[in-house]
Amino acid sequence: MPFLLPVSVTQDNVVQLEKDGLLNLASLSKIDCINLKDFDSTVLTVLIAWQKKLQADGQQISVQNAPKKLTVLAGVYGVAELLGLA
């Protein structure tokens, strides 16, 4: 079952979101962004943190249903390929 991102990911909830993801590490290999509507670049920080954790365990995240804005932000910050959004 994929890990569902919330509707909003901002500085206000990104730390809690990262913790929630790490508590559900098994489901981080598939991250579903279907609900994601309100976000800024902080969402990239949590995705990168999860990616690093999974890579240490020989795994990789797969981001599904990424909004166009997320793909564009990942490209601007140079992390699209790292997150599989290229």
N, C-alpha and C. Protein backbone atom coordinates (compact mmCIF):
# COMPACT_ATOMS: atom_id res chain seq x y z
N MET A 1 0.84 -1.17 0.00
CA MET A 1 0.00 0.00 0.00
C MET A 1 0.89 1.24 0.00
N PRO A 2 0.63 2.21 -0.88
CA PRO A 2 1.47 3.39 -0.94
C PRO A 2 1.27 4.33 0.25
N PHE A 3 2.26 5.14 0.50
CA PHE A 3 2.19 6.17 1.51
C PHE A 3 1.55 7.39 0.87
N LEU A 4 0.42 7.84 1.39
CA LEU A 4 -0.30 8.97 0.82
C LEU A 4 0.17 10.28 1.44
N LEU A 5 0.60 11.20 0.59
CA LEU A 5 0.92 12.53 1.09
C LEU A 5 -0.38 13.27 1.38
N PRO A 6 -0.35 14.17 2.36
CA PRO A 6 -1.56 14.93 2.68
C PRO A 6 -1.84 16.00 1.62
N VAL A 7 -2.94 16.69 1.77
CA VAL A 7 -3.32 17.77 0.85
C VAL A 7 -2.30 18.89 0.89
N SER A 8 -1.78 19.17 2.08
CA SER A 8 -0.87 20.30 2.26
C SER A 8 0.45 19.84 2.88
N VAL A 9 1.56 20.28 2.29
CA VAL A 9 2.89 20.04 2.87
C VAL A 9 3.62 21.37 2.84
N THR A 10 3.79 21.94 4.03
CA THR A 10 4.47 23.23 4.17
C THR A 10 5.41 23.16 5.38
N GLN A 11 6.03 24.26 5.68
CA GLN A 11 6.92 24.31 6.84
C GLN A 11 6.19 23.95 8.13
N ASP A 12 4.88 24.18 8.16
CA ASP A 12 4.11 23.92 9.36
C ASP A 12 3.98 22.43 9.70
N ASN A 13 4.00 21.57 8.69
CA ASN A 13 3.78 20.15 8.97
C ASN A 13 4.85 19.22 8.42
N VAL A 14 5.89 19.76 7.81
CA VAL A 14 6.87 18.90 7.14
C VAL A 14 7.66 18.03 8.12
N VAL A 15 7.96 18.53 9.30
CA VAL A 15 8.73 17.74 10.27
C VAL A 15 7.90 16.54 10.74
N GLN A 16 6.62 16.78 11.04
CA GLN A 16 5.75 15.68 11.46
C GLN A 16 5.55 14.68 10.33
N LEU A 17 5.42 15.19 9.11
CA LEU A 17 5.25 14.31 7.96
C LEU A 17 6.47 13.40 7.79
N GLU A 18 7.66 13.98 7.93
CA GLU A 18 8.88 13.16 7.80
C GLU A 18 8.89 12.05 8.86
N LYS A 19 8.53 12.40 10.09
CA LYS A 19 8.50 11.40 11.16
C LYS A 19 7.47 10.31 10.85
N ASP A 20 6.28 10.72 10.39
CA ASP A 20 5.24 9.75 10.06
C ASP A 20 5.72 8.79 8.97
N GLY A 21 6.41 9.33 7.98
CA GLY A 21 6.94 8.49 6.92
C GLY A 21 7.96 7.49 7.43
N LEU A 22 8.84 7.94 8.29
CA LEU A 22 9.87 7.04 8.82
C LEU A 22 9.27 5.96 9.71
N LEU A 23 8.13 6.25 10.33
CA LEU A 23 7.44 5.23 11.12
C LEU A 23 6.77 4.20 10.22
N ASN A 24 6.55 4.57 8.96
CA ASN A 24 5.92 3.68 7.97
C ASN A 24 6.89 3.39 6.83
N LEU A 25 8.11 3.13 7.18
CA LEU A 25 9.18 2.98 6.20
C LEU A 25 8.86 1.96 5.11
N ALA A 26 8.17 0.90 5.44
CA ALA A 26 7.86 -0.14 4.45
C ALA A 26 7.00 0.40 3.32
N SER A 27 6.15 1.38 3.60
CA SER A 27 5.27 1.90 2.55
C SER A 27 5.89 3.08 1.79
N LEU A 28 7.09 3.51 2.16
CA LEU A 28 7.71 4.65 1.48
C LEU A 28 8.26 4.32 0.11
N SER A 29 8.32 3.05 -0.26
CA SER A 29 8.82 2.73 -1.59
C SER A 29 7.85 3.23 -2.67
N LYS A 30 6.59 3.44 -2.29
CA LYS A 30 5.61 4.03 -3.21
C LYS A 30 4.93 5.19 -2.50
N ILE A 31 5.13 6.38 -3.00
CA ILE A 31 4.54 7.57 -2.41
C ILE A 31 3.51 8.13 -3.39
N ASP A 32 2.28 8.22 -2.94
CA ASP A 32 1.19 8.69 -3.79
C ASP A 32 0.88 10.15 -3.46
N CYS A 33 0.94 10.99 -4.48
CA CYS A 33 0.71 12.42 -4.33
C CYS A 33 -0.69 12.84 -4.79
N ILE A 34 -1.59 11.89 -4.93
CA ILE A 34 -2.91 12.16 -5.47
C ILE A 34 -3.64 13.28 -4.70
N ASN A 35 -3.44 13.37 -3.39
CA ASN A 35 -4.10 14.38 -2.57
C ASN A 35 -3.36 15.71 -2.51
N LEU A 36 -2.10 15.73 -2.91
CA LEU A 36 -1.24 16.89 -2.73
C LEU A 36 -1.69 18.07 -3.58
N LYS A 37 -2.08 19.14 -2.92
CA LYS A 37 -2.56 20.34 -3.62
C LYS A 37 -1.80 21.60 -3.21
N ASP A 38 -1.57 21.76 -1.92
CA ASP A 38 -0.94 22.97 -1.37
C ASP A 38 0.44 22.60 -0.84
N PHE A 39 1.48 23.04 -1.53
CA PHE A 39 2.83 22.68 -1.10
C PHE A 39 3.83 23.69 -1.63
N ASP A 40 5.01 23.64 -1.04
CA ASP A 40 6.13 24.45 -1.52
C ASP A 40 7.35 23.53 -1.57
N SER A 41 8.51 24.10 -1.67
CA SER A 41 9.71 23.29 -1.83
C SER A 41 10.03 22.42 -0.61
N THR A 42 9.38 22.66 0.51
CA THR A 42 9.65 21.82 1.68
C THR A 42 9.26 20.37 1.43
N VAL A 43 8.32 20.13 0.52
CA VAL A 43 7.96 18.75 0.20
C VAL A 43 9.16 18.01 -0.39
N LEU A 44 10.01 18.73 -1.10
CA LEU A 44 11.20 18.10 -1.67
C LEU A 44 12.17 17.66 -0.58
N THR A 45 12.26 18.44 0.50
CA THR A 45 13.19 18.06 1.57
C THR A 45 12.79 16.75 2.21
N VAL A 46 11.48 16.55 2.41
CA VAL A 46 11.05 15.31 3.03
C VAL A 46 11.19 14.14 2.07
N LEU A 47 10.91 14.35 0.80
CA LEU A 47 11.08 13.27 -0.18
C LEU A 47 12.54 12.86 -0.30
N ILE A 48 13.43 13.83 -0.28
CA ILE A 48 14.87 13.53 -0.36
C ILE A 48 15.33 12.80 0.90
N ALA A 49 14.85 13.21 2.05
CA ALA A 49 15.22 12.53 3.31
C ALA A 49 14.77 11.08 3.28
N TRP A 50 13.55 10.85 2.81
CA TRP A 50 13.07 9.47 2.71
C TRP A 50 13.87 8.68 1.69
N GLN A 51 14.20 9.31 0.58
CA GLN A 51 14.97 8.63 -0.46
C GLN A 51 16.33 8.20 0.09
N LYS A 52 16.98 9.09 0.84
CA LYS A 52 18.29 8.75 1.42
C LYS A 52 18.17 7.57 2.39
N LYS A 53 17.12 7.58 3.19
CA LYS A 53 16.92 6.48 4.14
C LYS A 53 16.70 5.16 3.41
N LEU A 54 15.87 5.19 2.38
CA LEU A 54 15.62 3.97 1.62
C LEU A 54 16.86 3.50 0.86
N GLN A 55 17.61 4.44 0.29
CA GLN A 55 18.83 4.06 -0.43
C GLN A 55 19.82 3.38 0.51
N ALA A 56 19.87 3.81 1.75
CA ALA A 56 20.77 3.17 2.73
C ALA A 56 20.38 1.71 2.95
N ASP A 57 19.10 1.42 2.71
CA ASP A 57 18.60 0.04 2.85
C ASP A 57 18.52 -0.68 1.51
N GLY A 58 19.11 -0.07 0.46
CA GLY A 58 19.11 -0.70 -0.86
C GLY A 58 17.80 -0.59 -1.61
N GLN A 59 16.96 0.37 -1.24
CA GLN A 59 15.67 0.56 -1.89
C GLN A 59 15.59 1.95 -2.52
N GLN A 60 14.48 2.23 -3.15
CA GLN A 60 14.28 3.53 -3.78
C GLN A 60 12.81 3.90 -3.73
N ILE A 61 12.52 5.20 -3.65
CA ILE A 61 11.12 5.61 -3.66
C ILE A 61 10.62 5.73 -5.09
N SER A 62 9.32 5.58 -5.21
CA SER A 62 8.63 5.78 -6.47
C SER A 62 7.50 6.76 -6.18
N VAL A 63 7.56 7.93 -6.80
CA VAL A 63 6.55 8.96 -6.57
C VAL A 63 5.48 8.83 -7.65
N GLN A 64 4.26 8.62 -7.21
CA GLN A 64 3.14 8.42 -8.13
C GLN A 64 2.19 9.62 -8.07
N ASN A 65 1.53 9.89 -9.18
CA ASN A 65 0.54 10.96 -9.27
C ASN A 65 1.10 12.32 -8.86
N ALA A 66 2.34 12.58 -9.25
CA ALA A 66 2.98 13.85 -8.90
C ALA A 66 2.33 15.00 -9.67
N PRO A 67 1.93 16.05 -8.95
CA PRO A 67 1.40 17.23 -9.65
C PRO A 67 2.49 17.86 -10.51
N LYS A 68 2.09 18.51 -11.57
CA LYS A 68 3.06 19.15 -12.46
C LYS A 68 3.97 20.11 -11.70
N LYS A 69 3.41 20.85 -10.76
CA LYS A 69 4.20 21.80 -9.97
C LYS A 69 5.33 21.09 -9.22
N LEU A 70 5.07 19.90 -8.71
CA LEU A 70 6.10 19.15 -7.99
C LEU A 70 7.22 18.74 -8.94
N THR A 71 6.85 18.29 -10.13
CA THR A 71 7.84 17.91 -11.13
C THR A 71 8.69 19.11 -11.53
N VAL A 72 8.05 20.26 -11.70
CA VAL A 72 8.77 21.48 -12.07
C VAL A 72 9.71 21.90 -10.94
N LEU A 73 9.23 21.90 -9.69
CA LEU A 73 10.08 22.26 -8.56
C LEU A 73 11.29 21.33 -8.44
N ALA A 74 11.05 20.04 -8.61
CA ALA A 74 12.15 19.07 -8.53
C ALA A 74 13.18 19.35 -9.62
N GLY A 75 12.71 19.74 -10.82
CA GLY A 75 13.63 20.09 -11.90
C GLY A 75 14.43 21.34 -11.59
N VAL A 76 13.76 22.35 -11.06
CA VAL A 76 14.43 23.62 -10.72
C VAL A 76 15.52 23.39 -9.67
N TYR A 77 15.22 22.53 -8.69
CA TYR A 77 16.18 22.27 -7.62
C TYR A 77 17.18 21.18 -7.98
N GLY A 78 17.05 20.60 -9.16
CA GLY A 78 18.01 19.61 -9.62
C GLY A 78 17.89 18.24 -8.96
N VAL A 79 16.70 17.91 -8.45
CA VAL A 79 16.53 16.63 -7.78
C VAL A 79 15.49 15.74 -8.47
N ALA A 80 15.04 16.13 -9.65
CA ALA A 80 14.01 15.36 -10.35
C ALA A 80 14.45 13.92 -10.60
N GLU A 81 15.66 13.74 -11.06
CA GLU A 81 16.15 12.40 -11.35
C GLU A 81 16.29 11.58 -10.07
N LEU A 82 16.79 12.19 -9.02
CA LEU A 82 16.95 11.51 -7.73
C LEU A 82 15.61 10.98 -7.23
N LEU A 83 14.54 11.72 -7.48
CA LEU A 83 13.21 11.35 -7.00
C LEU A 83 12.38 10.59 -8.04
N GLY A 84 12.99 10.31 -9.17
CA GLY A 84 12.27 9.60 -10.23
C GLY A 84 11.20 10.44 -10.90
N LEU A 85 11.39 11.74 -10.92
CA LEU A 85 10.43 12.66 -11.52
C LEU A 85 10.91 13.25 -12.83
N ALA A 86 12.02 12.73 -13.34
CA ALA A 86 12.59 13.27 -14.58
C ALA A 86 11.90 12.70 -15.79
